[in-house]
Protein backbone atom coordinates (compact mmCIF):
# COMPACT_ATOMS: atom_id res chain seq x y z
CA MET A 1 81.64 58.61 65.00
CA LYS A 2 84.56 61.18 65.26
CA THR A 3 84.02 63.94 67.80
CA LEU A 4 84.25 67.53 66.51
CA LYS A 5 85.85 69.83 69.08
CA ILE A 6 84.27 73.32 69.05
CA GLY A 7 85.63 76.50 70.58
CA PHE A 8 83.46 79.25 71.57
CA ILE A 9 84.39 82.94 70.98
CA GLY A 10 81.59 84.54 73.10
CA SER A 11 79.89 83.24 76.14
CA GLY A 12 76.59 85.28 76.44
CA PHE A 13 72.98 84.34 75.71
CA ILE A 14 73.32 82.62 72.39
CA ALA A 15 76.44 80.69 73.48
CA HIS A 16 74.57 79.27 76.40
CA PHE A 17 71.55 78.40 74.18
CA LEU A 18 73.80 76.58 71.71
CA ALA A 19 75.55 74.64 74.55
CA LYS A 20 72.19 73.42 75.73
CA ALA A 21 71.40 72.45 72.12
CA MET A 22 74.77 70.55 71.84
CA LEU A 23 73.70 68.30 74.69
CA GLN A 24 71.31 66.68 72.19
CA VAL A 25 73.85 66.29 69.42
CA ARG A 26 76.21 63.36 69.12
CA GLY A 27 79.77 63.87 68.06
CA VAL A 28 80.39 67.39 69.32
CA GLU A 29 82.05 68.75 72.40
CA LEU A 30 82.81 72.15 73.70
CA SER A 31 86.56 72.19 73.98
CA ALA A 32 87.43 76.02 74.55
CA ILE A 33 85.98 79.22 75.53
CA TYR A 34 87.46 82.61 75.08
CA ASN A 35 87.89 84.28 78.48
CA ARG A 36 85.19 87.06 78.76
CA SER A 37 82.18 87.57 80.96
CA SER A 38 80.20 84.42 81.82
CA ALA A 39 82.99 82.18 80.46
CA GLU A 40 83.30 80.45 83.75
CA ASP A 41 79.61 79.86 84.04
CA LEU A 42 79.60 78.30 80.62
CA ALA A 43 82.51 76.12 81.31
CA ARG A 44 80.83 74.90 84.53
CA PHE A 45 77.68 74.04 82.67
CA ALA A 46 79.74 72.09 80.10
CA LYS A 47 81.56 70.11 82.62
CA GLU A 48 78.52 69.42 84.80
CA HIS A 49 76.54 68.14 81.72
CA LEU A 50 79.43 66.15 80.22
CA LEU A 51 79.63 68.35 77.19
CA GLY A 52 83.43 68.49 77.40
CA GLN A 53 86.20 69.82 79.53
CA PRO A 54 86.62 73.31 77.90
CA VAL A 55 89.75 75.21 78.43
CA ILE A 56 89.19 78.93 79.32
CA CYS A 57 91.49 80.76 76.92
CA ASP A 58 93.06 84.23 77.19
CA SER A 59 93.55 84.66 73.41
CA ILE A 60 91.67 83.67 70.28
CA LYS A 61 94.73 81.91 69.05
CA GLU A 62 94.64 79.71 72.10
CA VAL A 63 90.96 78.90 71.45
CA CYS A 64 91.90 77.87 67.83
CA GLU A 65 94.75 75.69 69.20
CA ASN A 66 92.20 73.75 71.31
CA SER A 67 89.62 73.31 68.72
CA ASP A 68 88.70 71.68 65.36
CA ALA A 69 86.17 74.48 64.58
CA VAL A 70 85.48 77.80 66.18
CA ALA A 71 82.19 79.53 66.63
CA ILE A 72 82.05 83.35 66.57
CA LEU A 73 79.28 84.14 69.02
CA SER A 74 80.54 87.53 70.10
CA PRO A 75 78.66 90.84 69.71
CA ASN A 76 78.13 92.07 66.12
CA PHE A 77 80.62 94.96 66.36
CA THR A 78 83.45 92.50 67.28
CA ARG A 79 83.26 89.91 64.47
CA VAL A 80 85.52 91.24 61.86
CA GLU A 81 88.31 91.82 64.31
CA VAL A 82 87.70 88.27 65.74
CA MET A 83 87.84 86.75 62.36
CA GLU A 84 91.02 88.60 61.50
CA GLU A 85 92.53 87.02 64.46
CA ILE A 86 91.35 83.56 63.62
CA ALA A 87 92.92 83.96 60.02
CA ASP A 88 96.16 85.30 61.54
CA SER A 89 96.31 82.07 63.83
CA VAL A 90 95.80 79.77 60.80
CA SER A 91 98.58 81.75 59.02
CA ALA A 92 100.69 81.16 62.03
CA GLY A 93 100.36 77.43 61.69
CA VAL A 94 97.24 76.62 63.76
CA GLU A 95 95.35 73.66 62.22
CA LEU A 96 91.60 74.43 62.08
CA ILE A 97 88.83 72.73 59.91
CA GLY A 98 86.22 75.44 59.86
CA VAL A 99 84.51 78.49 61.33
CA ILE A 100 80.98 79.20 62.44
CA CYS A 101 79.31 82.44 62.60
CA GLU A 102 76.04 83.25 64.34
CA LYS A 103 73.73 85.60 62.43
CA PRO A 104 74.32 88.23 61.14
CA LEU A 105 77.59 87.76 59.14
CA GLY A 106 78.15 91.53 59.17
CA ARG A 107 76.47 94.76 60.12
CA THR A 108 77.08 95.98 56.55
CA ILE A 109 77.80 94.46 53.15
CA ALA A 110 81.37 95.55 53.48
CA GLU A 111 81.76 93.71 56.79
CA ALA A 112 80.14 90.53 55.38
CA THR A 113 82.40 90.66 52.28
CA ARG A 114 85.37 90.99 54.54
CA MET A 115 84.34 87.98 56.59
CA VAL A 116 84.00 85.89 53.53
CA GLU A 117 87.45 87.03 52.17
CA LEU A 118 89.10 86.13 55.45
CA ALA A 119 87.63 82.61 55.68
CA GLU A 120 88.69 82.06 51.99
CA SER A 121 92.21 83.38 52.53
CA ALA A 122 92.55 80.98 55.54
CA GLU A 123 91.05 78.05 53.52
CA LEU A 124 88.57 77.46 56.17
CA LEU A 125 85.18 75.67 55.75
CA THR A 126 82.30 77.90 56.87
CA ALA A 127 78.93 77.55 58.56
CA TYR A 128 76.44 80.43 58.80
CA PHE A 129 74.14 79.79 61.74
CA GLU A 130 70.64 80.57 60.84
CA ASN A 131 68.54 78.37 62.93
CA GLN A 132 65.23 78.95 61.28
CA LEU A 133 66.07 77.11 58.16
CA HIS A 134 66.50 74.04 60.33
CA VAL A 135 63.09 74.28 62.26
CA PRO A 136 61.74 70.74 62.19
CA GLY A 137 58.09 72.00 61.97
CA ILE A 138 58.86 73.89 58.83
CA ASN A 139 60.98 71.35 57.01
CA LYS A 140 58.67 68.47 57.83
CA ALA A 141 55.75 70.45 56.51
CA LEU A 142 57.70 71.25 53.34
CA LYS A 143 58.57 67.59 52.79
CA GLN A 144 54.93 66.54 53.34
CA LEU A 145 53.83 68.99 50.69
CA GLU A 146 56.28 68.00 48.01
CA PRO A 147 53.62 65.98 46.00
CA GLN A 148 51.39 68.97 46.16
CA MET A 149 54.20 71.26 44.88
CA GLN A 150 54.92 68.80 42.04
CA ALA A 151 51.29 68.50 41.04
CA MET A 152 50.04 72.11 41.61
CA GLY A 153 53.09 74.30 41.38
CA ASN A 154 55.49 75.74 43.93
CA MET A 155 54.78 78.01 46.79
CA ALA A 156 53.92 81.55 45.68
CA LEU A 157 53.74 83.53 48.89
CA ALA A 158 55.53 83.13 52.29
CA ARG A 159 55.11 85.11 55.51
CA SER A 160 57.56 85.13 58.33
CA THR A 161 57.41 86.88 61.68
CA GLU A 162 59.62 86.90 64.75
CA GLU A 163 58.69 89.01 67.75
CA HIS A 164 59.43 89.51 71.42
CA SER A 165 59.57 92.32 73.90
CA GLY A 166 63.16 93.25 73.40
CA PRO A 167 66.76 91.94 73.68
CA HIS A 168 68.65 91.01 76.88
CA SER A 169 71.92 92.84 76.30
CA SER A 170 72.59 96.59 76.11
CA TRP A 171 74.70 96.36 72.99
CA PHE A 172 71.70 94.98 71.10
CA TRP A 173 69.69 98.17 71.78
CA ASN A 174 72.67 100.34 70.51
CA PRO A 175 72.09 100.79 66.77
CA ILE A 176 75.83 101.64 66.18
CA LYS A 177 77.14 98.59 67.80
CA GLN A 178 74.36 96.19 66.70
CA GLY A 179 74.05 97.56 63.26
CA GLY A 180 70.42 98.65 63.42
CA GLY A 181 67.40 97.52 65.46
CA ALA A 182 64.72 94.84 65.03
CA LEU A 183 65.49 94.47 61.34
CA SER A 184 69.15 93.63 61.78
CA ASP A 185 68.44 91.53 64.87
CA MET A 186 65.41 89.56 63.84
CA GLY A 187 64.62 90.57 60.16
CA CYS A 188 67.60 88.44 59.09
CA HIS A 189 65.78 85.43 60.50
CA SER A 190 62.48 86.21 58.82
CA ILE A 191 63.96 87.05 55.45
CA ALA A 192 65.88 83.81 55.41
CA ALA A 193 62.88 81.71 56.62
CA SER A 194 60.41 83.05 54.03
CA ARG A 195 62.94 82.57 51.17
CA HIS A 196 63.52 79.05 52.31
CA ILE A 197 59.80 78.29 52.26
CA LEU A 198 59.52 79.55 48.67
CA THR A 199 62.64 77.68 47.34
CA PRO A 200 61.56 74.58 45.41
CA PRO A 201 62.54 71.25 46.76
CA ASP A 202 66.15 70.10 46.37
CA LYS A 203 67.32 73.49 45.14
CA ASP A 204 70.25 75.53 46.45
CA PRO A 205 69.40 77.92 49.31
CA LEU A 206 70.25 80.74 46.92
CA PHE A 207 68.43 79.36 43.89
CA LEU A 208 65.80 82.08 43.89
CA GLU A 209 66.90 85.49 42.61
CA PRO A 210 65.88 88.62 44.51
CA ILE A 211 64.54 91.27 42.16
CA SER A 212 63.04 93.89 44.33
CA VAL A 213 62.42 94.91 47.91
CA GLN A 214 60.05 97.36 49.69
CA ALA A 215 60.39 97.90 53.48
CA ASP A 216 59.45 100.03 56.36
CA THR A 217 61.10 100.68 59.67
CA SER A 218 59.29 102.34 62.63
CA LEU A 219 59.74 103.24 66.30
CA LEU A 220 56.33 102.43 67.86
CA LYS A 221 56.92 101.59 71.58
CA TRP A 222 60.38 102.30 72.62
CA GLY A 223 60.29 105.93 71.37
CA GLN A 224 57.62 106.90 73.71
CA PRO A 225 58.96 108.99 76.71
CA LYS A 226 57.98 106.39 79.35
CA TYR A 227 59.83 103.50 77.59
CA ARG A 228 62.70 105.75 76.51
CA LYS A 229 63.30 106.31 80.07
CA GLN A 230 63.17 102.65 81.00
CA LEU A 231 65.74 101.91 78.21
CA LYS A 232 68.14 104.61 79.41
CA GLU A 233 67.92 103.55 83.05
CA LYS A 234 68.30 99.84 82.37
CA PHE A 235 70.69 99.72 79.42
CA GLY A 236 72.21 103.19 79.07
CA VAL A 237 70.91 103.82 75.59
CA ASP A 238 69.07 107.15 74.66
CA TYR A 239 66.40 106.65 72.13
CA ALA A 240 65.64 110.31 72.04
CA ALA A 241 69.11 110.88 70.59
CA THR A 242 70.19 107.63 68.77
CA PRO A 243 67.02 105.48 68.24
CA ALA A 244 66.70 102.07 66.45
CA GLU A 245 63.59 100.67 65.01
CA ASP A 246 61.46 98.38 67.11
CA PHE A 247 59.28 97.34 64.21
CA CYS A 248 60.00 96.48 60.66
CA THR A 249 57.99 95.00 57.79
CA GLY A 250 58.66 94.53 54.06
CA THR A 251 58.11 92.41 50.98
CA ILE A 252 60.90 90.89 48.80
CA ASN A 253 60.11 89.66 45.34
CA TYR A 254 62.11 86.69 43.96
CA LYS A 255 62.28 85.14 40.50
CA ASN A 256 62.65 81.46 39.67
CA PRO A 257 65.50 81.47 37.11
CA GLU A 258 64.17 78.30 35.43
CA THR A 259 60.51 79.15 35.08
CA GLY A 260 60.44 82.98 35.41
CA GLN A 261 57.79 82.76 38.06
CA VAL A 262 57.84 85.69 40.55
CA VAL A 263 57.02 84.84 44.22
CA LYS A 264 56.71 87.09 47.20
CA ALA A 265 58.13 86.84 50.78
CA GLN A 266 56.70 89.07 53.39
CA PHE A 267 58.35 89.66 56.73
CA THR A 268 57.42 91.41 59.92
CA ASP A 269 59.61 91.64 63.12
CA SER A 270 59.36 93.66 66.34
CA TRP A 271 60.76 94.28 69.75
CA MET A 272 57.28 95.18 71.21
CA TYR A 273 55.47 91.73 71.36
CA ASP A 274 54.39 91.84 75.02
CA LYS A 275 52.45 88.56 75.05
CA GLN A 276 53.85 85.27 76.45
CA GLY A 277 57.34 85.48 75.02
CA LEU A 278 59.12 84.83 71.78
CA ARG A 279 56.85 83.96 68.92
CA ILE A 280 58.06 82.69 65.41
CA SER A 281 55.20 82.43 62.99
CA VAL A 282 55.65 81.35 59.37
CA GLU A 283 53.17 80.60 56.59
CA GLY A 284 53.53 79.31 53.06
CA LEU A 285 50.81 79.47 50.52
CA GLY A 286 50.64 77.50 47.26
CA PRO A 287 47.80 76.73 44.78
CA GLY A 288 45.56 74.51 46.73
CA TYR A 289 47.83 73.89 49.75
CA ALA A 290 49.47 75.76 52.75
CA LEU A 291 51.63 75.36 55.74
CA GLU A 292 51.61 77.21 59.03
CA VAL A 293 53.96 77.19 62.07
CA ASN A 294 53.50 79.07 65.26
CA THR A 295 55.99 78.46 68.09
CA LEU A 296 53.61 79.61 70.83
CA ARG A 297 51.36 76.75 70.13
CA SER A 298 52.46 74.09 72.52
CA PRO A 299 50.98 70.73 73.67
CA SER A 300 51.97 71.86 77.18
CA GLU A 301 50.55 74.64 79.29
CA ILE A 302 50.88 75.67 82.95
CA PHE A 303 48.68 77.96 85.09
CA ILE A 304 50.04 80.03 87.99
CA GLY A 305 47.56 82.04 90.19
CA ASP A 306 48.27 85.37 91.89
CA GLU A 307 48.92 83.84 95.28
CA ALA A 308 51.38 81.30 93.94
CA ALA A 309 53.27 83.68 91.71
CA GLU A 310 55.65 84.75 94.38
CA ALA A 311 57.23 81.19 94.28
CA VAL A 312 57.56 80.98 90.50
CA ALA A 313 60.73 79.68 88.96
CA ASP A 314 62.60 81.52 86.23
CA SER A 315 59.89 81.89 83.46
CA GLU A 316 62.49 81.73 80.70
CA GLU A 317 63.07 78.06 81.57
CA ALA A 318 59.65 77.53 80.07
CA LEU A 319 59.87 79.94 77.08
CA GLU A 320 62.51 82.30 75.70
CA LYS A 321 61.90 86.02 76.24
CA SER A 322 58.98 85.13 78.63
CA THR A 323 57.27 88.44 79.77
CA SER A 324 54.95 86.82 82.41
CA SER A 325 55.23 84.67 85.59
CA LYS A 326 51.60 83.95 86.20
CA GLY A 327 48.37 83.20 84.41
CA LEU A 328 48.06 80.63 81.64
CA LEU A 329 51.61 80.21 80.28
CA ALA A 330 52.91 78.33 77.24
CA LEU A 331 55.54 75.75 78.00
CA GLN A 332 57.92 74.56 75.35
CA PRO A 333 59.71 71.42 76.59
CA ASN A 334 62.50 71.52 73.92
CA GLU A 335 63.17 75.01 72.57
CA ALA A 336 66.54 74.05 71.19
CA ASP A 337 64.81 71.60 68.81
CA LEU A 338 61.73 73.76 68.19
CA TYR A 339 63.77 76.68 66.93
CA GLY A 340 66.24 74.62 64.77
CA TYR A 341 69.40 74.87 66.78
CA ILE A 342 69.91 71.09 67.01
CA GLY A 343 69.51 70.80 63.17
CA GLU A 344 72.03 73.51 62.44
CA ILE A 345 74.65 71.97 64.64
CA GLU A 346 74.08 68.47 63.24
CA ASP A 347 74.42 69.90 59.66
CA MET A 348 77.57 71.77 60.45
CA ARG A 349 79.15 68.64 62.26
CA ASP A 350 78.41 66.36 59.39
CA ALA A 351 79.72 68.85 56.77
CA PHE A 352 82.92 69.83 58.62
CA LEU A 353 83.77 66.21 59.35
CA ALA A 354 83.23 65.43 55.63
CA GLY A 355 85.32 68.34 54.53
CA LYS A 356 82.52 70.48 53.20
CA ASP A 357 80.90 73.81 53.97
CA ALA A 358 77.57 73.67 55.77
CA MET A 359 74.36 73.86 54.00
CA LEU A 360 74.47 77.59 54.87
CA ASP A 361 77.96 78.84 54.18
CA TRP A 362 79.16 82.43 54.57
CA ASN A 363 78.33 83.38 50.93
CA TYR A 364 74.65 82.67 51.98
CA GLY A 365 75.17 84.77 55.10
CA LYS A 366 76.48 87.60 52.97
CA GLU A 367 73.41 87.41 50.73
CA ILE A 368 71.19 87.77 53.86
CA THR A 369 73.13 90.82 54.84
CA VAL A 370 72.62 92.31 51.35
CA LEU A 371 68.84 91.82 51.63
CA CYS A 372 68.71 93.34 55.10
CA GLN A 373 70.75 96.43 53.98
CA ALA A 374 68.49 96.70 50.85
CA CYS A 375 65.54 96.83 53.28
CA TYR A 376 67.09 99.69 55.40
CA LEU A 377 67.75 101.61 52.11
CA SER A 378 64.24 101.03 50.81
CA ALA A 379 62.85 102.28 54.13
CA GLU A 380 65.07 105.38 54.14
CA LYS A 381 64.09 106.27 50.62
CA GLY A 382 60.46 105.33 50.91
CA GLN A 383 60.43 103.48 47.67
CA THR A 384 60.73 100.05 46.10
CA LEU A 385 64.33 99.09 45.19
CA LYS A 386 64.99 97.25 42.01
CA LEU A 387 67.94 94.88 43.02
CA GLU A 388 68.91 94.09 39.45
CA ASN A 389 69.70 97.74 38.89
CA PRO A 390 73.40 98.26 38.75
CA ILE A 391 73.13 101.71 40.27
CA VAL A 392 71.24 100.17 43.34
CA GLN A 393 73.86 97.44 43.58
CA GLN A 394 76.70 99.93 43.59
CA GLU A 395 74.98 102.11 46.24
CA LEU A 396 74.46 99.07 48.46
CA GLU A 397 78.13 98.07 48.38
CA GLU A 398 79.30 100.88 50.71
CA TYR A 399 75.93 101.53 52.26
CA ARG A 400 75.50 101.98 56.03
CA SER A 401 72.00 102.86 57.20
CA LEU A 402 71.24 106.09 58.98
CA ILE A 403 70.13 104.06 62.02
CA ALA A 404 73.34 102.16 62.17
CA ARG A 405 75.22 105.47 61.99
CA GLY A 406 73.45 106.81 64.99
CA GLU A 407 71.36 109.13 62.89
CA GLY A 408 68.13 107.16 63.14
CA ALA A 409 66.16 110.18 64.43
CA GLU A 410 66.07 111.41 60.86
CA VAL A 411 63.89 108.50 59.73
CA LEU A 412 62.25 107.31 62.90
CA LEU A 413 61.42 110.52 64.87
CA LYS A 414 60.34 112.86 62.04
């Protein structure tokens, strides 16, 4: 098998998580890392674990020169500029197969559109990294239920939730830099996962047509004075002045273009889940059958008493976004596989080496951005949006939410 050399632009939390996932994937190596904070640590990890001998590069062009494909893993507010430099490098003669972007593709529809245009102009293959569509537990359940779908009819209702106690990095809490709050950060996962569950077997990921959306955004925990103070002291963000939502929920209706059946996808996401750690929970309901996945259900558990808690290891080694270091704790032995990161890397590798876009390309990523922004607009207006309405479509094209503009107090603190 040919090895695909991948360069990372970004060396933070998601870059380290993907590097750990790559250890379990044949035919990929980390070949270059853009020189920013934690780049040395990431390069050391790669070398120690035989993932490659990555070159630390002082320019994005240099990353491209040392790679077959590059992964944009930098903060949301940098991505258009990064992609412009990648496209310029290709125009200058650098040979590159494709480009990867971690969710979300853009903070707005305009940004996502620009990303697609830049990739097309550079004639690059694309992969949109949405790990939850590659979760083995979901996909194995869907495969097992295919006979029931054929006999009884397709899924009619899906529910998807992702929750934890809040992000690691300060820019995630900043709604202007991030593009919003929990909806922009995690709602994009849940919207994609619920749509995936509802999509009939062997159909394109964009087969179902979104027809309406109703959503709500709220500030429940991190707007309280005690927790606002904590945020300001730890991350330098002031949620009394420029808040982001820590909770979102909504329903998106889709139409099957072949049968006319309307199906419903519900999502709920929050930064105020103070239990064991990250929880992803999905359900799919069809006539006479169902599936359910909850990532906090593990075959492994550990218990740490009060006296032993002082000697505890890093709790995030056991579970992402862990909130506790004692008591009865869930232990996930392979989070990279559990959450779908291995599957998305394998899909990208196979597609790029075959000269094709990944299963989820950047047009898919743009569609998820459209749905996220429609949810923000619905929440601002307090009404259901009809997505087939040309007036709504036109409004969304240049839309940027009040929360993303730093004016979230108008909708979250009133």
